[in-house]
Amino acid sequence: MPLDIGFLLPDGRYDLRLQFDGDGCYWFLHPWFTRVQRTTGSYVDLYGDADFHEANGLDALIGAMAEARAAAARQPTEWRVHTGTQLVPVRQELYATVERVEILRSIERFQALLEEAKVSRKTLAFRGD
């Protein structure tokens, strides 16, 4: 269930640049994605689609990822991130162990795309499963 991220092309397709899986990295970033949704109406979702550009929430997403990067930098070398709740056969909270260096690397790649979108005035497309 990857979330594809790339620049929107004139024909409606997108130029794939980055993917988030439904793993600890996406779920670490999820609180910031929901904050962006509250202010812009656009949601970075594993299962849905969203487009961010200069007039539609790009600056909010850039700010949120700066906050997320600062929060990740304060984390221990490894920690557990809640990734969901299993309901069957028994209710169980699910966690993934993440590494600070990997989270920071992913955020930095994401921030580079956001900056490129801003400078080039491109639309960044998010396409979920």
C-alpha atoms as a PDB file:
ATOM      1  CA  MET A   1       0.000   0.000   0.000  1.00  0.00           C
ATOM      2  CA  PRO A   2       2.489   2.640  -1.024  1.00  0.00           C
ATOM      3  CA  LEU A   3       1.698   6.312  -1.260  1.00  0.00           C
ATOM      4  CA  ASP A   4       3.290   7.634  -4.451  1.00  0.00           C
ATOM      5  CA  ILE A   5       4.559  11.213  -4.499  1.00  0.00           C
ATOM      6  CA  GLY A   6       5.615  13.004  -7.656  1.00  0.00           C
ATOM      7  CA  PHE A   7       5.180  16.054  -9.810  1.00  0.00           C
ATOM      8  CA  LEU A   8       1.902  16.315 -11.699  1.00  0.00           C
ATOM      9  CA  LEU A   9       2.360  16.165 -15.470  1.00  0.00           C
ATOM     10  CA  PRO A  10       0.187  18.026 -18.021  1.00  0.00           C
ATOM     11  CA  ASP A  11      -1.547  14.784 -19.063  1.00  0.00           C
ATOM     12  CA  GLY A  12      -2.650  14.040 -15.476  1.00  0.00           C
ATOM     13  CA  ARG A  13      -0.032  11.404 -14.766  1.00  0.00           C
ATOM     14  CA  TYR A  14       2.742  12.054 -12.265  1.00  0.00           C
ATOM     15  CA  ASP A  15       6.506  11.739 -12.224  1.00  0.00           C
ATOM     16  CA  LEU A  16       7.159   9.361  -9.300  1.00  0.00           C
ATOM     17  CA  ARG A  17       9.852  10.709  -6.979  1.00  0.00           C
ATOM     18  CA  LEU A  18       9.177   9.214  -3.540  1.00  0.00           C
ATOM     19  CA  GLN A  19       7.016   6.575  -1.859  1.00  0.00           C
ATOM     20  CA  PHE A  20       5.784   6.145   1.686  1.00  0.00           C
ATOM     21  CA  ASP A  21       4.617   2.712   2.753  1.00  0.00           C
ATOM     22  CA  GLY A  22       2.176   2.182   5.588  1.00  0.00           C
ATOM     23  CA  ASP A  23       5.135   1.800   7.901  1.00  0.00           C
ATOM     24  CA  GLY A  24       6.541   3.677  10.854  1.00  0.00           C
ATOM     25  CA  CYS A  25       7.784   6.613   8.791  1.00  0.00           C
ATOM     26  CA  TYR A  26       4.343   7.456   7.391  1.00  0.00           C
ATOM     27  CA  TRP A  27       2.718   6.988  10.790  1.00  0.00           C
ATOM     28  CA  PHE A  28       5.327   9.146  12.510  1.00  0.00           C
ATOM     29  CA  LEU A  29       4.432  11.926  10.037  1.00  0.00           C
ATOM     30  CA  HIS A  30       0.685  11.304  10.291  1.00  0.00           C
ATOM     31  CA  PRO A  31      -0.028  13.857  13.067  1.00  0.00           C
ATOM     32  CA  TRP A  32       1.465  16.595  10.870  1.00  0.00           C
ATOM     33  CA  PHE A  33      -0.495  15.371   7.852  1.00  0.00           C
ATOM     34  CA  THR A  34      -3.736  15.661   9.848  1.00  0.00           C
ATOM     35  CA  ARG A  35      -2.785  19.180  10.960  1.00  0.00           C
ATOM     36  CA  VAL A  36      -2.251  20.158   7.328  1.00  0.00           C
ATOM     37  CA  GLN A  37      -5.650  18.672   6.489  1.00  0.00           C
ATOM     38  CA  ARG A  38      -7.347  20.787   9.160  1.00  0.00           C
ATOM     39  CA  THR A  39      -5.893  23.986   7.710  1.00  0.00           C
ATOM     40  CA  THR A  40      -6.022  23.199   3.972  1.00  0.00           C
ATOM     41  CA  GLY A  41      -8.633  20.493   3.481  1.00  0.00           C
ATOM     42  CA  SER A  42      -6.051  18.344   1.657  1.00  0.00           C
ATOM     43  CA  TYR A  43      -4.933  15.115   3.305  1.00  0.00           C
ATOM     44  CA  VAL A  44      -1.795  13.062   2.648  1.00  0.00           C
ATOM     45  CA  ASP A  45      -3.450   9.640   2.802  1.00  0.00           C
ATOM     46  CA  LEU A  46      -2.223   6.111   2.060  1.00  0.00           C
ATOM     47  CA  TYR A  47      -5.500   5.388   0.245  1.00  0.00           C
ATOM     48  CA  GLY A  48      -6.495   8.692  -1.312  1.00  0.00           C
ATOM     49  CA  ASP A  49      -5.229  11.363  -3.658  1.00  0.00           C
ATOM     50  CA  ALA A  50      -4.224  14.953  -2.990  1.00  0.00           C
ATOM     51  CA  ASP A  51      -2.438  17.707  -4.871  1.00  0.00           C
ATOM     52  CA  PHE A  52      -0.419  20.449  -3.217  1.00  0.00           C
ATOM     53  CA  HIS A  53       0.791  23.567  -5.006  1.00  0.00           C
ATOM     54  CA  GLU A  54       1.483  27.205  -4.327  1.00  0.00           C
ATOM     55  CA  ALA A  55      -2.208  28.089  -4.016  1.00  0.00           C
ATOM     56  CA  ASN A  56      -3.248  24.864  -2.286  1.00  0.00           C
ATOM     57  CA  GLY A  57      -1.475  24.111   0.956  1.00  0.00           C
ATOM     58  CA  LEU A  58       2.130  23.718  -0.166  1.00  0.00           C
ATOM     59  CA  ASP A  59       3.412  26.214   2.411  1.00  0.00           C
ATOM     60  CA  ALA A  60       1.423  24.482   5.166  1.00  0.00           C
ATOM     61  CA  LEU A  61       2.970  21.146   4.208  1.00  0.00           C
ATOM     62  CA  ILE A  62       6.462  22.685   4.108  1.00  0.00           C
ATOM     63  CA  GLY A  63       5.961  24.127   7.596  1.00  0.00           C
ATOM     64  CA  ALA A  64       4.578  20.868   8.941  1.00  0.00           C
ATOM     65  CA  MET A  65       7.556  18.891   7.647  1.00  0.00           C
ATOM     66  CA  ALA A  66       9.966  21.370   9.257  1.00  0.00           C
ATOM     67  CA  GLU A  67       8.187  20.734  12.573  1.00  0.00           C
ATOM     68  CA  ALA A  68       8.236  16.966  11.981  1.00  0.00           C
ATOM     69  CA  ARG A  69      11.959  17.033  11.223  1.00  0.00           C
ATOM     70  CA  ALA A  70      12.656  18.946  14.447  1.00  0.00           C
ATOM     71  CA  ALA A  71      10.545  16.442  16.412  1.00  0.00           C
ATOM     72  CA  ALA A  72      12.327  13.484  14.800  1.00  0.00           C
ATOM     73  CA  ALA A  73      15.715  14.988  15.619  1.00  0.00           C
ATOM     74  CA  ARG A  74      14.740  14.990  19.327  1.00  0.00           C
ATOM     75  CA  GLN A  75      13.824  11.288  19.328  1.00  0.00           C
ATOM     76  CA  PRO A  76      16.105   8.524  20.603  1.00  0.00           C
ATOM     77  CA  THR A  77      18.141   6.483  18.126  1.00  0.00           C
ATOM     78  CA  GLU A  78      15.206   4.015  17.868  1.00  0.00           C
ATOM     79  CA  TRP A  79      11.615   4.168  19.071  1.00  0.00           C
ATOM     80  CA  ARG A  80       8.245   2.579  18.437  1.00  0.00           C
ATOM     81  CA  VAL A  81       5.534   4.261  16.384  1.00  0.00           C
ATOM     82  CA  HIS A  82       1.874   3.239  16.506  1.00  0.00           C
ATOM     83  CA  THR A  83       0.912   1.988  13.027  1.00  0.00           C
ATOM     84  CA  GLY A  84      -2.637   0.780  13.563  1.00  0.00           C
ATOM     85  CA  THR A  85      -5.011  -1.465  15.437  1.00  0.00           C
ATOM     86  CA  GLN A  86      -5.644  -5.093  14.569  1.00  0.00           C
ATOM     87  CA  LEU A  87      -9.271  -6.008  15.243  1.00  0.00           C
ATOM     88  CA  VAL A  88      -9.410  -9.706  14.273  1.00  0.00           C
ATOM     89  CA  PRO A  89      -8.894 -12.311  15.622  1.00  0.00           C
ATOM     90  CA  VAL A  90      -8.156 -10.249  18.729  1.00  0.00           C
ATOM     91  CA  ARG A  91      -7.845  -6.508  19.268  1.00  0.00           C
ATOM     92  CA  GLN A  92      -4.191  -5.536  19.387  1.00  0.00           C
ATOM     93  CA  GLU A  93      -2.317  -2.257  18.967  1.00  0.00           C
ATOM     94  CA  LEU A  94       0.381  -2.469  16.275  1.00  0.00           C
ATOM     95  CA  TYR A  95       3.749  -0.731  16.407  1.00  0.00           C
ATOM     96  CA  ALA A  96       6.831  -0.465  14.216  1.00  0.00           C
ATOM     97  CA  THR A  97      10.324   0.270  15.424  1.00  0.00           C
ATOM     98  CA  VAL A  98      11.818   3.198  13.532  1.00  0.00           C
ATOM     99  CA  GLU A  99      15.320   4.602  13.441  1.00  0.00           C
ATOM    100  CA  ARG A 100      15.918   8.319  13.805  1.00  0.00           C
ATOM    101  CA  VAL A 101      18.465   8.371  10.962  1.00  0.00           C
ATOM    102  CA  GLU A 102      15.995   6.709   8.543  1.00  0.00           C
ATOM    103  CA  ILE A 103      13.118   8.997   9.516  1.00  0.00           C
ATOM    104  CA  LEU A 104      15.324  12.058   9.092  1.00  0.00           C
ATOM    105  CA  ARG A 105      16.558  10.809   5.715  1.00  0.00           C
ATOM    106  CA  SER A 106      12.961  10.299   4.506  1.00  0.00           C
ATOM    107  CA  ILE A 107      11.873  13.712   5.744  1.00  0.00           C
ATOM    108  CA  GLU A 108      14.857  15.373   4.069  1.00  0.00           C
ATOM    109  CA  ARG A 109      14.032  13.715   0.725  1.00  0.00           C
ATOM    110  CA  PHE A 110      10.422  14.825   1.149  1.00  0.00           C
ATOM    111  CA  GLN A 111      11.486  18.369   2.038  1.00  0.00           C
ATOM    112  CA  ALA A 112      13.659  18.517  -1.096  1.00  0.00           C
ATOM    113  CA  LEU A 113      10.602  17.644  -3.215  1.00  0.00           C
ATOM    114  CA  LEU A 114       8.511  20.247  -1.424  1.00  0.00           C
ATOM    115  CA  GLU A 115      11.177  22.886  -2.013  1.00  0.00           C
ATOM    116  CA  GLU A 116      11.459  21.931  -5.685  1.00  0.00           C
ATOM    117  CA  ALA A 117       7.671  22.208  -6.029  1.00  0.00           C
ATOM    118  CA  LYS A 118       7.736  25.663  -4.464  1.00  0.00           C
ATOM    119  CA  VAL A 119      10.676  27.015  -6.482  1.00  0.00           C
ATOM    120  CA  SER A 120       9.482  25.579  -9.802  1.00  0.00           C
ATOM    121  CA  ARG A 121       5.791  26.243  -9.070  1.00  0.00           C
ATOM    122  CA  LYS A 122       4.973  22.612  -9.777  1.00  0.00           C
ATOM    123  CA  THR A 123       2.086  20.659  -8.310  1.00  0.00           C
ATOM    124  CA  LEU A 124       3.109  17.823  -6.024  1.00  0.00           C
ATOM    125  CA  ALA A 125       0.746  14.877  -6.503  1.00  0.00           C
ATOM    126  CA  PHE A 126       0.061  12.298  -3.787  1.00  0.00           C
ATOM    127  CA  ARG A 127      -1.535   9.087  -5.043  1.00  0.00           C
ATOM    128  CA  GLY A 128      -2.616   6.441  -2.567  1.00  0.00           C
ATOM    129  CA  ASP A 129      -3.547   2.843  -3.147  1.00  0.00           C
END
